[in-house]
Amino acid sequence: MKYTRFEKARIIGARALQISLGAPVLVDYPADMLDPIDIALLEFAEDLVPITVARD
């Protein structure tokens, strides 16, 4: 699915918040990567983010 830049920002932000609050990470990431936004971007790039967008 092709997302708009606004949808992408919302998905990554919501997922980063989940990760920072202790949600399990769905992708292997380097040990030196500590920022939840970077981890969320990695999950988004591999299409593993468990968030969907409902459109009319």
C-alpha atoms as a PDB file:
ATOM      1  CA  MET A   1       0.000   0.000   0.000  1.00  0.00           C
ATOM      2  CA  LYS A   2       1.239   3.460  -0.846  1.00  0.00           C
ATOM      3  CA  TYR A   3       1.051   5.842   2.109  1.00  0.00           C
ATOM      4  CA  THR A   4       0.978   9.616   2.063  1.00  0.00           C
ATOM      5  CA  ARG A   5       3.716  11.436   3.971  1.00  0.00           C
ATOM      6  CA  PHE A   6       1.189  12.262   6.680  1.00  0.00           C
ATOM      7  CA  GLU A   7       0.135   8.641   7.106  1.00  0.00           C
ATOM      8  CA  LYS A   8       3.768   7.558   7.192  1.00  0.00           C
ATOM      9  CA  ALA A   9       4.598  10.135   9.873  1.00  0.00           C
ATOM     10  CA  ARG A  10       1.614   9.080  11.978  1.00  0.00           C
ATOM     11  CA  ILE A  11       2.414   5.359  11.668  1.00  0.00           C
ATOM     12  CA  ILE A  12       6.084   5.811  12.536  1.00  0.00           C
ATOM     13  CA  GLY A  13       5.285   8.143  15.425  1.00  0.00           C
ATOM     14  CA  ALA A  14       2.675   5.811  16.896  1.00  0.00           C
ATOM     15  CA  ARG A  15       4.956   2.791  16.546  1.00  0.00           C
ATOM     16  CA  ALA A  16       7.910   4.659  18.086  1.00  0.00           C
ATOM     17  CA  LEU A  17       5.712   5.527  21.068  1.00  0.00           C
ATOM     18  CA  GLN A  18       4.715   1.878  21.446  1.00  0.00           C
ATOM     19  CA  ILE A  19       8.362   0.793  21.316  1.00  0.00           C
ATOM     20  CA  SER A  20       9.410   3.415  23.868  1.00  0.00           C
ATOM     21  CA  LEU A  21       6.688   2.156  26.225  1.00  0.00           C
ATOM     22  CA  GLY A  22       7.998  -1.416  26.026  1.00  0.00           C
ATOM     23  CA  ALA A  23       6.224  -3.049  23.082  1.00  0.00           C
ATOM     24  CA  PRO A  24       8.155  -5.942  21.526  1.00  0.00           C
ATOM     25  CA  VAL A  25      10.272  -5.013  18.523  1.00  0.00           C
ATOM     26  CA  LEU A  26       9.447  -7.011  15.386  1.00  0.00           C
ATOM     27  CA  VAL A  27      12.771  -6.608  13.594  1.00  0.00           C
ATOM     28  CA  ASP A  28      16.397  -7.336  14.400  1.00  0.00           C
ATOM     29  CA  TYR A  29      18.281  -4.094  14.928  1.00  0.00           C
ATOM     30  CA  PRO A  30      21.884  -3.211  15.801  1.00  0.00           C
ATOM     31  CA  ALA A  31      22.714  -3.007  19.506  1.00  0.00           C
ATOM     32  CA  ASP A  32      23.877   0.598  19.151  1.00  0.00           C
ATOM     33  CA  MET A  33      20.497   1.723  17.741  1.00  0.00           C
ATOM     34  CA  LEU A  34      18.651   3.067  20.780  1.00  0.00           C
ATOM     35  CA  ASP A  35      16.249   5.638  19.331  1.00  0.00           C
ATOM     36  CA  PRO A  36      12.698   4.226  19.021  1.00  0.00           C
ATOM     37  CA  ILE A  37      12.086   6.367  15.928  1.00  0.00           C
ATOM     38  CA  ASP A  38      14.990   4.699  14.118  1.00  0.00           C
ATOM     39  CA  ILE A  39      13.678   1.265  15.096  1.00  0.00           C
ATOM     40  CA  ALA A  40      10.179   2.205  13.911  1.00  0.00           C
ATOM     41  CA  LEU A  41      11.639   3.408  10.605  1.00  0.00           C
ATOM     42  CA  LEU A  42      13.432   0.080  10.235  1.00  0.00           C
ATOM     43  CA  GLU A  43      10.176  -1.801  10.862  1.00  0.00           C
ATOM     44  CA  PHE A  44       8.355   0.427   8.376  1.00  0.00           C
ATOM     45  CA  ALA A  45      11.008  -0.172   5.705  1.00  0.00           C
ATOM     46  CA  GLU A  46      10.616  -3.942   6.133  1.00  0.00           C
ATOM     47  CA  ASP A  47       6.780  -3.655   6.138  1.00  0.00           C
ATOM     48  CA  LEU A  48       6.467  -5.174   9.629  1.00  0.00           C
ATOM     49  CA  VAL A  49       4.562  -2.399  11.404  1.00  0.00           C
ATOM     50  CA  PRO A  50       1.363  -3.833  12.923  1.00  0.00           C
ATOM     51  CA  ILE A  51      -0.654  -0.667  12.200  1.00  0.00           C
ATOM     52  CA  THR A  52      -3.149  -0.286   9.385  1.00  0.00           C
ATOM     53  CA  VAL A  53      -4.722   2.766   7.767  1.00  0.00           C
ATOM     54  CA  ALA A  54      -8.471   2.857   7.176  1.00  0.00           C
ATOM     55  CA  ARG A  55      -9.474   5.000   4.215  1.00  0.00           C
ATOM     56  CA  ASP A  56     -12.917   5.988   3.034  1.00  0.00           C
END
